[in-house]
Amino acid sequence: MFAEERKSKIAQMIKEGKSVKVNELAKLFGVSESTIRRDLNELESLGIVKRTHGGAVNNFATTFELSFAEKEDRFAKEKEYIGKLAAKYIEDGDTIILDSGTTTQYIARNIKAKNVIVITNSVNIANELSNREDIEVIVTGGVIRSKTKALVGDITQSTLKQFRCDKAFIAANGVSIEFGVTTPTHLEAAVKRTMIENAKEVFLVADSSKFGQVTFALICPVDRLNNYIITDKMDEKQKQEFKALGVEVITE
């Protein structure tokens, strides 16, 4: 494969939202890691990608945001896997917060526990759980964002502050050890921070494409996540990097 063809393929992978690592690309294309680093440096010089520690992310505007319908179609199998895995951590009698998002909607669909209280800022999750007699649903209220179907704003945060919950399941658009946990809008970031502050345990749920990505608004640094990340896959080295920050990564 010619160098230009290889760089084109790498750029396309990143454009599609895939998280790329130097060592993984070297294996994929059968070249040395130093060759991949040169490729990524050239792509960065052209403004196509942004280099990160050990890899690269898309250099599109950090405020870019897919609609809920568009997100549903991306990495659906991975999100369903994460949803089923996360739901196992919900126990009978738990009080939980379910953040808005396509991944957290899969959690709602897979709750097996009984007598659970769910607080959510998601119109879709509230509807999903509305027929469950063994689950009490508290909807935060607030302003609906048409793009994500999330409730945001002062009313949303005020409602969340009235409760102390066992567990919060938080979604994000980007997860970077260097730049933290991020989402495209400051309004949703503020709501997610309030959720984190009012739960004993926090589970960040994110498919593997989100790692190494950085978007506009900081939710929190990675070490503020107490205590877990649930994802579909992650290599052992990366797991250890998160573990050093006090965060356990769960993949099965």
Protein backbone atom coordinates (compact mmCIF):
# COMPACT_ATOMS: atom_id res chain seq x y z
CA MET A 1 0.00 0.00 0.00
CA PHE A 2 1.31 3.44 -0.95
CA ALA A 3 1.84 6.02 1.80
CA GLU A 4 -0.85 8.36 0.44
CA GLU A 5 -3.41 5.55 0.34
CA ARG A 6 -2.54 4.58 3.92
CA LYS A 7 -2.89 8.16 5.15
CA SER A 8 -6.21 8.47 3.34
CA LYS A 9 -7.51 5.36 5.08
CA ILE A 10 -6.31 6.62 8.48
CA ALA A 11 -8.02 9.98 7.91
CA GLN A 12 -11.24 8.23 6.95
CA MET A 13 -11.15 6.07 10.10
CA ILE A 14 -10.77 9.15 12.28
CA LYS A 15 -13.44 11.07 10.36
CA GLU A 16 -15.86 8.21 11.07
CA GLY A 17 -15.31 8.70 14.80
CA LYS A 18 -12.96 5.79 15.38
CA SER A 19 -10.34 6.17 18.10
CA VAL A 20 -6.92 5.38 16.64
CA LYS A 21 -3.74 4.37 18.42
CA VAL A 22 -0.26 4.32 16.90
CA ASN A 23 0.44 0.70 17.87
CA GLU A 24 -2.92 -0.52 16.52
CA LEU A 25 -2.47 1.32 13.20
CA ALA A 26 1.05 -0.08 12.83
CA LYS A 27 -0.32 -3.63 13.15
CA LEU A 28 -3.28 -2.92 10.86
CA PHE A 29 -1.15 -1.56 8.01
CA GLY A 30 1.93 -3.70 8.60
CA VAL A 31 4.35 -0.80 9.06
CA SER A 32 6.47 0.53 11.92
CA GLU A 33 5.10 2.79 14.65
CA SER A 34 7.52 5.52 13.55
CA THR A 35 5.95 5.42 10.07
CA ILE A 36 2.47 5.82 11.56
CA ARG A 37 3.67 8.73 13.71
CA ARG A 38 4.99 10.46 10.57
CA ASP A 39 1.64 9.83 8.86
CA LEU A 40 -0.27 11.34 11.78
CA ASN A 41 2.10 14.32 11.97
CA GLU A 42 1.52 15.01 8.27
CA LEU A 43 -2.24 14.71 8.68
CA GLU A 44 -2.06 17.10 11.64
CA SER A 45 -0.04 19.61 9.60
CA LEU A 46 -2.84 19.54 7.02
CA GLY A 47 -5.41 20.26 9.75
CA ILE A 48 -7.17 16.93 9.27
CA VAL A 49 -6.44 15.39 12.68
CA LYS A 50 -5.31 16.44 16.12
CA ARG A 51 -2.50 14.41 17.67
CA THR A 52 -3.01 12.99 21.17
CA HIS A 53 -0.80 10.92 23.43
CA GLY A 54 -0.39 7.62 21.58
CA GLY A 55 -2.78 8.40 18.73
CA ALA A 56 -5.01 11.01 17.11
CA VAL A 57 -8.56 12.38 17.09
CA ASN A 58 -10.69 14.17 14.55
CA ASN A 59 -9.92 17.87 14.17
CA PHE A 60 -13.54 18.81 13.37
CA ALA A 61 -15.16 21.57 15.40
CA THR A 62 -15.44 20.39 18.99
CA THR A 63 -19.01 21.66 19.18
CA PHE A 64 -20.15 19.32 16.39
CA GLU A 65 -22.98 17.14 17.64
CA LEU A 66 -24.98 14.35 16.07
CA SER A 67 -28.73 14.20 16.57
CA PHE A 68 -30.28 11.48 18.76
CA ALA A 69 -31.47 9.61 15.66
CA GLU A 70 -27.99 9.76 14.11
CA LYS A 71 -26.39 8.51 17.32
CA GLU A 72 -28.80 5.57 17.50
CA ASP A 73 -27.40 4.20 14.25
CA ARG A 74 -23.75 4.46 15.30
CA PHE A 75 -22.13 1.61 17.24
CA ALA A 76 -25.57 0.20 18.11
CA LYS A 77 -24.25 -3.29 18.92
CA GLU A 78 -21.57 -1.88 21.19
CA LYS A 79 -24.09 0.35 22.98
CA GLU A 80 -26.49 -2.55 23.46
CA TYR A 81 -23.66 -4.63 24.94
CA ILE A 82 -22.75 -1.80 27.33
CA GLY A 83 -26.40 -1.29 28.28
CA LYS A 84 -26.86 -4.94 29.23
CA LEU A 85 -23.58 -4.97 31.16
CA ALA A 86 -24.36 -1.74 33.04
CA ALA A 87 -27.87 -2.91 33.94
CA LYS A 88 -26.33 -5.80 35.90
CA TYR A 89 -24.97 -3.25 38.38
CA ILE A 90 -28.47 -2.04 39.25
CA GLU A 91 -29.78 -3.92 42.29
CA ASP A 92 -33.23 -4.31 43.83
CA GLY A 93 -34.19 -1.17 45.73
CA ASP A 94 -31.53 1.06 44.15
CA THR A 95 -32.04 4.76 43.52
CA ILE A 96 -30.29 5.66 40.28
CA ILE A 97 -29.74 8.53 37.89
CA LEU A 98 -29.91 7.75 34.18
CA ASP A 99 -28.38 10.46 32.02
CA SER A 100 -29.83 11.15 28.59
CA GLY A 101 -28.24 9.34 25.67
CA THR A 102 -28.49 6.40 23.32
CA THR A 103 -26.24 4.19 25.48
CA THR A 104 -28.16 4.93 28.68
CA GLN A 105 -31.40 4.14 26.86
CA TYR A 106 -30.07 0.61 26.39
CA ILE A 107 -29.52 0.47 30.17
CA ALA A 108 -33.16 1.40 30.74
CA ARG A 109 -34.30 -1.37 28.39
CA ASN A 110 -32.29 -3.97 30.29
CA ILE A 111 -33.05 -3.21 33.96
CA LYS A 112 -33.96 -6.49 35.66
CA ALA A 113 -33.92 -5.21 39.25
CA LYS A 114 -37.17 -4.51 41.09
CA ASN A 115 -38.38 -1.55 43.17
CA VAL A 116 -35.92 0.81 41.56
CA ILE A 117 -36.27 4.59 41.55
CA VAL A 118 -34.95 6.18 38.36
CA ILE A 119 -34.27 9.89 38.04
CA THR A 120 -33.68 10.95 34.44
CA ASN A 121 -33.40 14.03 32.27
CA SER A 122 -34.20 11.99 29.16
CA VAL A 123 -37.61 12.22 27.50
CA ASN A 124 -36.94 8.93 25.71
CA ILE A 125 -35.87 7.03 28.84
CA ALA A 126 -38.88 8.32 30.78
CA ASN A 127 -41.12 7.01 28.03
CA GLU A 128 -39.19 3.72 27.90
CA LEU A 129 -39.78 3.07 31.59
CA SER A 130 -43.29 4.53 31.90
CA ASN A 131 -44.99 1.13 31.75
CA ARG A 132 -42.78 -0.55 34.34
CA GLU A 133 -44.86 -0.89 37.52
CA ASP A 134 -41.79 -2.01 39.50
CA ILE A 135 -39.86 1.16 38.62
CA GLU A 136 -40.68 4.65 39.87
CA VAL A 137 -39.62 7.30 37.38
CA ILE A 138 -38.80 10.87 38.36
CA VAL A 139 -38.36 13.24 35.42
CA THR A 140 -36.23 16.29 36.14
CA GLY A 141 -38.09 18.83 34.07
CA GLY A 142 -36.24 21.59 32.27
CA VAL A 143 -35.77 22.77 28.71
CA ILE A 144 -35.81 20.03 26.05
CA ARG A 145 -32.90 20.05 23.61
CA SER A 146 -34.46 18.90 20.35
CA LYS A 147 -31.21 17.42 19.08
CA THR A 148 -30.59 15.04 21.99
CA LYS A 149 -34.01 14.88 23.70
CA ALA A 150 -32.25 15.86 26.93
CA LEU A 151 -33.71 18.16 29.59
CA VAL A 152 -31.25 20.87 30.63
CA GLY A 153 -31.04 24.12 32.54
CA ASP A 154 -31.60 25.45 36.05
CA ILE A 155 -34.82 23.49 36.61
CA THR A 156 -33.06 20.24 35.69
CA GLN A 157 -30.13 20.89 38.03
CA SER A 158 -32.39 22.09 40.85
CA THR A 159 -34.39 18.85 40.70
CA LEU A 160 -31.26 16.69 40.71
CA LYS A 161 -29.90 18.52 43.77
CA GLN A 162 -32.94 17.43 45.79
CA PHE A 163 -31.84 13.78 45.74
CA ARG A 164 -28.94 11.62 46.92
CA CYS A 165 -28.75 8.49 44.81
CA ASP A 166 -26.93 5.19 44.98
CA LYS A 167 -25.65 5.22 41.41
CA ALA A 168 -25.43 7.51 38.41
CA PHE A 169 -24.93 6.31 34.85
CA ILE A 170 -23.39 9.11 32.80
CA ALA A 171 -22.91 9.33 29.03
CA ALA A 172 -20.22 11.36 27.25
CA ASN A 173 -19.03 12.20 23.74
CA GLY A 174 -15.33 12.21 24.54
CA VAL A 175 -13.10 10.50 27.11
CA SER A 176 -9.46 11.55 27.28
CA ILE A 177 -7.01 11.00 30.13
CA GLU A 178 -5.35 14.28 29.17
CA PHE A 179 -8.42 16.44 28.46
CA GLY A 180 -11.06 14.76 30.63
CA VAL A 181 -14.66 13.70 30.03
CA THR A 182 -16.38 16.01 27.55
CA THR A 183 -19.63 16.72 25.70
CA PRO A 184 -20.42 19.25 22.93
CA THR A 185 -22.59 21.66 24.98
CA HIS A 186 -21.99 23.43 28.28
CA LEU A 187 -25.67 23.05 29.22
CA GLU A 188 -25.49 19.25 29.18
CA ALA A 189 -22.05 19.30 30.82
CA ALA A 190 -23.48 21.23 33.77
CA VAL A 191 -26.32 18.72 34.21
CA LYS A 192 -23.94 15.77 34.06
CA ARG A 193 -21.70 17.36 36.73
CA THR A 194 -24.72 17.76 39.00
CA MET A 195 -25.58 14.09 38.48
CA ILE A 196 -22.03 13.08 39.43
CA GLU A 197 -22.10 15.26 42.54
CA ASN A 198 -25.31 13.67 43.83
CA ALA A 199 -24.51 9.96 43.49
CA LYS A 200 -22.49 7.65 45.72
CA GLU A 201 -21.12 5.72 42.75
CA VAL A 202 -20.63 6.94 39.20
CA PHE A 203 -20.57 4.72 36.12
CA LEU A 204 -19.42 6.40 32.92
CA VAL A 205 -20.88 4.47 29.97
CA ALA A 206 -19.14 5.03 26.64
CA ASP A 207 -18.45 2.86 23.62
CA SER A 208 -14.83 2.43 22.56
CA SER A 209 -15.09 5.04 19.77
CA LYS A 210 -15.37 7.79 22.42
CA PHE A 211 -11.91 7.21 23.90
CA GLY A 212 -9.28 9.67 22.73
CA GLN A 213 -12.03 12.03 21.53
CA VAL A 214 -12.32 15.59 22.87
CA THR A 215 -15.37 17.83 22.54
CA PHE A 216 -16.13 21.37 23.66
CA ALA A 217 -17.44 21.30 27.23
CA LEU A 218 -15.64 19.65 30.15
CA ILE A 219 -17.82 17.50 32.38
CA CYS A 220 -15.01 16.52 34.74
CA PRO A 221 -11.43 15.24 34.81
CA VAL A 222 -11.16 11.46 34.55
CA ASP A 223 -10.03 11.10 38.17
CA ARG A 224 -13.33 12.65 39.31
CA LEU A 225 -15.17 9.55 38.09
CA ASN A 226 -15.78 7.45 41.14
CA ASN A 227 -15.57 4.66 40.38
CA TYR A 228 -16.18 2.98 37.04
CA ILE A 229 -16.11 3.16 33.26
CA ILE A 230 -18.19 0.59 31.37
CA THR A 231 -17.27 0.10 27.72
CA ASP A 232 -17.28 -2.61 25.05
CA LYS A 233 -13.52 -3.08 24.74
CA MET A 234 -10.19 -1.67 25.90
CA ASP A 235 -6.66 -3.03 25.88
CA GLU A 236 -4.97 -3.86 29.17
CA LYS A 237 -2.42 -1.05 28.96
CA GLN A 238 -5.16 1.57 28.66
CA LYS A 239 -7.09 -0.04 31.51
CA GLN A 240 -4.03 0.34 33.71
CA GLU A 241 -3.75 4.03 32.79
CA PHE A 242 -7.30 4.59 34.03
CA LYS A 243 -6.69 2.42 37.09
CA ALA A 244 -3.77 4.67 38.05
CA LEU A 245 -6.34 7.50 38.27
CA GLY A 246 -8.61 5.42 40.53
CA VAL A 247 -11.06 4.34 37.84
CA GLU A 248 -11.90 0.70 37.14
CA VAL A 249 -12.69 -0.13 33.53
CA ILE A 250 -15.33 -2.82 33.06
CA THR A 251 -15.61 -4.60 29.69
CA GLU A 252 -17.26 -7.89 30.69
